[in-house]
Amino acid sequence: MAASQIFICFSSKDEAVAREVVDFLEAGGIKCWISLRDVAPGQNYQEAIVQAIEAARGIVFLFSEFSSKSGEIKKELSIGASINVPVFPLRLSPIAPSGALRYELATRQWIDIFPDRQHALGKLAETIKDLIDAPAADQSVVPLTRPLAGNAATTAAKPLASAKPSPAKKRTRAPRAPRAPIVAPGTQQFEAIRALLARHIGPIAKVFVEKAASQARTPEEFCERLATHVAAPAARTSFVQAVRARLADKS
């Protein structure tokens, strides 16, 4: 999968608009990945989604009354957020985000596809190209939550290099060694815990286990982070017990 591909996040009920967006972007040289076309016959659908998000340079989120109610959409955006994939929201109807989407879009501005469809799609393509074409050294100073709409005064990113250096030379501390994950990817422990979580949420379990293992400071915090992905209280309790047993098993 090409690194410049853009993942299209949409509800199946917005398929017609999703196809229109893909056609517009690809006509302008922006390669897209969309599930209704790019999941190969016989391929695991959820695994394909995870792999596409992990390889994408950005996510175009078609925000509508249908996608705002989709649990799968929330999962896709959560995966993207966990690996810092920038999101470009395209609002299809005049509705406001709520719940989890309100949190996800809190620091982002979206492009309205209405009333001028062609102008909106052109703005979307321009914003995506700005990100993809930016040199690697410059991307670190471009906020991932940069506004997608508005005038130049509100959308221009301020380069970090413009900040005035401090006149006094500060003492620098030696960088801390990175903390080892609670469980290392590829180990038997990791795979066993991934399989436990996958019973509840499917293939995306791998992403959440990796994130929890790298961010949690203690095994107990690791268990608590994973438990949030198990909906039923009874199932959550047995899940946590099973994960603790796996962590205690050093064989």
Protein backbone atom coordinates (compact mmCIF):
# COMPACT_ATOMS: atom_id res chain seq x y z
CA MET A 1 0.00 0.00 0.00
CA ALA A 2 1.39 3.36 -1.06
CA ALA A 3 2.35 5.60 1.84
CA SER A 4 0.50 8.55 0.27
CA GLN A 5 -2.88 6.86 0.34
CA ILE A 6 -5.78 8.51 2.14
CA PHE A 7 -8.19 6.33 4.10
CA ILE A 8 -11.87 7.12 3.46
CA CYS A 9 -13.91 6.74 6.65
CA PHE A 10 -17.64 6.69 5.88
CA SER A 11 -21.00 5.10 6.56
CA SER A 12 -22.30 2.64 3.97
CA LYS A 13 -25.39 4.87 3.72
CA ASP A 14 -23.15 7.64 2.39
CA GLU A 15 -21.61 5.43 -0.30
CA ALA A 16 -22.59 7.69 -3.20
CA VAL A 17 -20.85 10.70 -1.65
CA ALA A 18 -17.84 8.56 -0.68
CA ARG A 19 -17.42 7.47 -4.30
CA GLU A 20 -17.70 11.08 -5.45
CA VAL A 21 -15.00 12.16 -2.98
CA VAL A 22 -12.67 9.36 -4.08
CA ASP A 23 -13.18 10.18 -7.76
CA PHE A 24 -12.45 13.86 -7.12
CA LEU A 25 -9.33 13.26 -5.04
CA GLU A 26 -7.88 10.61 -7.34
CA ALA A 27 -8.50 12.82 -10.39
CA GLY A 28 -6.22 15.29 -8.64
CA GLY A 29 -3.51 12.71 -8.00
CA ILE A 30 -4.40 11.81 -4.41
CA LYS A 31 -4.61 8.03 -4.09
CA CYS A 32 -7.38 6.81 -1.80
CA TRP A 33 -8.22 3.58 0.02
CA ILE A 34 -11.92 2.82 0.34
CA SER A 35 -13.28 -0.44 1.72
CA LEU A 36 -16.01 -0.95 -0.88
CA ARG A 37 -13.32 -1.16 -3.57
CA ASP A 38 -10.05 -2.11 -1.93
CA VAL A 39 -10.83 -5.05 0.34
CA ALA A 40 -9.77 -8.08 -1.68
CA PRO A 41 -12.15 -11.05 -2.05
CA GLY A 42 -11.65 -13.46 0.84
CA GLN A 43 -9.64 -10.95 2.87
CA ASN A 44 -10.58 -10.41 6.52
CA TYR A 45 -12.54 -7.16 6.43
CA GLN A 46 -11.57 -5.83 9.86
CA GLU A 47 -7.92 -6.74 9.40
CA ALA A 48 -7.91 -4.94 6.05
CA ILE A 49 -9.35 -1.83 7.71
CA VAL A 50 -6.68 -1.81 10.41
CA GLN A 51 -3.85 -2.31 7.90
CA ALA A 52 -5.18 0.47 5.67
CA ILE A 53 -5.38 2.95 8.54
CA GLU A 54 -1.88 2.04 9.74
CA ALA A 55 -0.50 2.67 6.23
CA ALA A 56 -2.47 5.87 5.51
CA ARG A 57 -1.07 9.39 5.52
CA GLY A 58 -4.46 10.78 6.51
CA ILE A 59 -8.13 9.97 7.08
CA VAL A 60 -10.97 11.73 5.28
CA PHE A 61 -13.96 11.39 7.59
CA LEU A 62 -17.37 11.83 5.97
CA PHE A 63 -19.30 13.28 8.88
CA SER A 64 -23.07 12.75 8.57
CA GLU A 65 -26.10 11.75 10.61
CA PHE A 66 -25.34 8.15 9.65
CA SER A 67 -21.61 8.07 10.42
CA SER A 68 -22.18 9.90 13.71
CA LYS A 69 -24.18 6.88 14.94
CA SER A 70 -21.80 4.19 13.68
CA GLY A 71 -19.77 2.24 16.23
CA GLU A 72 -17.42 1.04 13.49
CA ILE A 73 -16.65 4.63 12.47
CA LYS A 74 -15.72 5.46 16.07
CA LYS A 75 -13.35 2.45 16.12
CA GLU A 76 -11.67 3.55 12.89
CA LEU A 77 -11.13 7.08 14.20
CA SER A 78 -9.83 5.70 17.49
CA ILE A 79 -7.26 3.58 15.67
CA GLY A 80 -6.16 6.59 13.65
CA ALA A 81 -5.85 8.73 16.78
CA SER A 82 -3.77 6.06 18.52
CA ILE A 83 -1.10 6.30 15.81
CA ASN A 84 -1.44 10.05 15.14
CA VAL A 85 -2.94 9.84 11.66
CA PRO A 86 -4.37 13.30 10.81
CA VAL A 87 -8.12 13.48 10.22
CA PHE A 88 -9.79 15.67 7.59
CA PRO A 89 -13.52 15.90 8.47
CA LEU A 90 -15.92 16.59 5.60
CA ARG A 91 -19.40 17.47 6.90
CA LEU A 92 -22.19 16.23 4.64
CA SER A 93 -25.13 17.80 6.47
CA PRO A 94 -25.58 20.62 9.01
CA ILE A 95 -25.34 18.56 12.19
CA ALA A 96 -23.08 18.92 15.23
CA PRO A 97 -20.96 16.09 16.64
CA SER A 98 -21.99 14.47 19.91
CA GLY A 99 -20.67 11.84 22.28
CA ALA A 100 -17.37 10.25 21.23
CA LEU A 101 -17.30 12.19 17.97
CA ARG A 102 -17.61 15.47 19.85
CA TYR A 103 -14.44 14.51 21.73
CA GLU A 104 -12.67 13.39 18.54
CA LEU A 105 -13.52 16.58 16.62
CA ALA A 106 -13.22 19.01 19.53
CA THR A 107 -9.99 20.58 18.26
CA ARG A 108 -10.67 20.23 14.55
CA GLN A 109 -12.59 22.35 12.08
CA TRP A 110 -14.40 20.58 9.30
CA ILE A 111 -15.12 21.48 5.70
CA ASP A 112 -18.80 21.70 4.79
CA ILE A 113 -19.56 20.00 1.48
CA PHE A 114 -22.52 22.35 1.16
CA PRO A 115 -23.50 24.76 -0.34
CA ASP A 116 -20.62 24.79 -2.87
CA ARG A 117 -19.68 21.14 -3.43
CA GLN A 118 -16.82 21.69 -5.88
CA HIS A 119 -15.23 24.42 -3.78
CA ALA A 120 -15.40 22.22 -0.68
CA LEU A 121 -13.81 19.24 -2.42
CA GLY A 122 -11.14 21.50 -3.87
CA LYS A 123 -10.35 22.83 -0.39
CA LEU A 124 -10.16 19.27 0.94
CA ALA A 125 -7.74 18.22 -1.82
CA GLU A 126 -5.60 21.32 -1.27
CA THR A 127 -5.34 20.66 2.47
CA ILE A 128 -4.41 17.00 1.95
CA LYS A 129 -1.75 17.90 -0.60
CA ASP A 130 -0.25 20.45 1.79
CA LEU A 131 0.28 17.63 4.29
CA ILE A 132 1.51 14.99 1.84
CA ASP A 133 3.84 17.33 -0.07
CA ALA A 134 5.38 18.89 3.04
CA PRO A 135 9.02 17.82 3.60
CA ALA A 136 9.48 15.37 6.45
CA ALA A 137 11.37 17.99 8.45
CA ASP A 138 8.44 20.40 8.21
CA GLN A 139 5.66 18.00 9.14
CA SER A 140 6.73 17.92 12.76
CA VAL A 141 5.79 21.60 13.13
CA VAL A 142 2.38 21.34 11.46
CA PRO A 143 -0.37 20.67 14.03
CA LEU A 144 -2.39 17.60 13.17
CA THR A 145 -5.49 19.48 14.33
CA ARG A 146 -4.83 22.45 12.06
CA PRO A 147 -8.16 24.07 10.93
CA LEU A 148 -9.34 22.91 7.51
CA ALA A 149 -11.56 25.88 6.77
CA GLY A 150 -11.39 29.61 7.31
CA ASN A 151 -9.24 32.50 6.19
CA ALA A 152 -5.48 32.51 5.92
CA ALA A 153 -5.11 34.20 9.27
CA THR A 154 -6.73 31.28 11.08
CA THR A 155 -5.29 28.40 9.06
CA ALA A 156 -1.65 29.31 8.75
CA ALA A 157 0.54 27.17 10.96
CA LYS A 158 3.25 29.00 12.87
CA PRO A 159 6.64 27.33 12.40
CA LEU A 160 8.45 26.53 15.57
CA ALA A 161 11.61 28.05 14.15
CA SER A 162 10.08 31.52 14.43
CA ALA A 163 10.21 31.43 18.22
CA LYS A 164 12.96 33.62 19.71
CA PRO A 165 15.76 31.66 21.36
CA SER A 166 16.24 32.15 25.06
CA PRO A 167 19.20 34.43 25.82
CA ALA A 168 20.27 32.26 28.73
CA LYS A 169 21.68 28.85 27.92
CA LYS A 170 19.72 26.28 29.83
CA ARG A 171 21.17 23.11 31.20
CA THR A 172 19.99 20.10 29.30
CA ARG A 173 19.26 16.78 30.90
CA ALA A 174 20.26 13.52 29.35
CA PRO A 175 17.26 11.93 27.63
CA ARG A 176 15.56 9.23 29.61
CA ALA A 177 15.72 5.72 28.29
CA PRO A 178 12.36 4.69 26.83
CA ARG A 179 10.24 2.64 29.20
CA ALA A 180 9.87 -0.99 28.22
CA PRO A 181 6.28 -1.95 27.32
CA ILE A 182 4.28 -4.04 29.78
CA VAL A 183 4.27 -6.79 27.17
CA ALA A 184 6.42 -6.74 24.05
CA PRO A 185 4.74 -7.20 20.65
CA GLY A 186 5.44 -10.59 19.14
CA THR A 187 5.86 -12.39 22.45
CA GLN A 188 3.65 -15.26 23.58
CA GLN A 189 2.21 -13.07 26.34
CA PHE A 190 1.31 -10.33 23.87
CA GLU A 191 -0.35 -12.73 21.43
CA ALA A 192 -2.29 -14.43 24.21
CA ILE A 193 -3.63 -11.12 25.53
CA ARG A 194 -4.38 -9.88 22.01
CA ALA A 195 -6.41 -13.06 21.40
CA LEU A 196 -8.36 -12.50 24.63
CA LEU A 197 -9.33 -8.98 23.61
CA ALA A 198 -9.99 -10.00 19.99
CA ARG A 199 -12.83 -12.23 21.22
CA HIS A 200 -14.68 -9.05 22.15
CA ILE A 201 -13.65 -6.49 19.50
CA GLY A 202 -12.03 -8.41 16.64
CA PRO A 203 -8.69 -7.78 14.84
CA ILE A 204 -8.35 -4.17 16.03
CA ALA A 205 -7.42 -5.67 19.41
CA LYS A 206 -3.78 -5.68 18.32
CA VAL A 207 -3.73 -1.89 18.03
CA PHE A 208 -5.23 -1.35 21.48
CA VAL A 209 -2.94 -3.89 23.17
CA GLU A 210 0.14 -2.24 21.64
CA LYS A 211 -1.05 1.21 22.74
CA ALA A 212 -1.87 0.09 26.29
CA ALA A 213 1.40 -1.83 26.63
CA SER A 214 3.47 1.22 25.66
CA GLN A 215 1.52 3.81 27.68
CA ALA A 216 0.62 1.98 30.90
CA ARG A 217 3.01 2.42 33.81
CA THR A 218 1.96 -0.69 35.71
CA PRO A 219 0.41 -4.06 34.84
CA GLU A 220 -2.75 -3.02 36.68
CA GLU A 221 -3.09 0.13 34.59
CA PHE A 222 -2.50 -2.00 31.50
CA CYS A 223 -5.43 -4.24 32.50
CA GLU A 224 -7.66 -1.23 33.21
CA ARG A 225 -6.93 0.31 29.81
CA LEU A 226 -7.81 -2.89 27.98
CA ALA A 227 -10.92 -3.48 30.09
CA THR A 228 -12.49 -0.27 28.74
CA HIS A 229 -12.91 -2.03 25.38
CA VAL A 230 -15.05 -4.83 26.88
CA ALA A 231 -18.68 -3.72 27.08
CA ALA A 232 -20.42 -6.24 29.37
CA PRO A 233 -19.49 -5.91 33.09
CA ALA A 234 -19.40 -9.67 33.68
CA ALA A 235 -17.27 -10.26 30.60
CA ARG A 236 -14.99 -7.38 31.65
CA THR A 237 -14.32 -8.95 35.03
CA SER A 238 -13.41 -12.34 33.58
CA PHE A 239 -11.33 -10.65 30.90
CA VAL A 240 -9.25 -8.73 33.45
CA GLN A 241 -8.70 -11.91 35.46
CA ALA A 242 -7.52 -13.74 32.34
CA VAL A 243 -5.13 -10.90 31.41
CA ARG A 244 -3.68 -10.83 34.93
CA ALA A 245 -3.10 -14.57 34.71
CA ARG A 246 -1.28 -14.13 31.43
CA LEU A 247 0.90 -11.38 32.85
CA ALA A 248 1.79 -13.56 35.84
CA ASP A 249 2.74 -16.46 33.56
CA LYS A 250 6.36 -15.87 32.61
CA SER A 251 6.76 -19.13 30.72
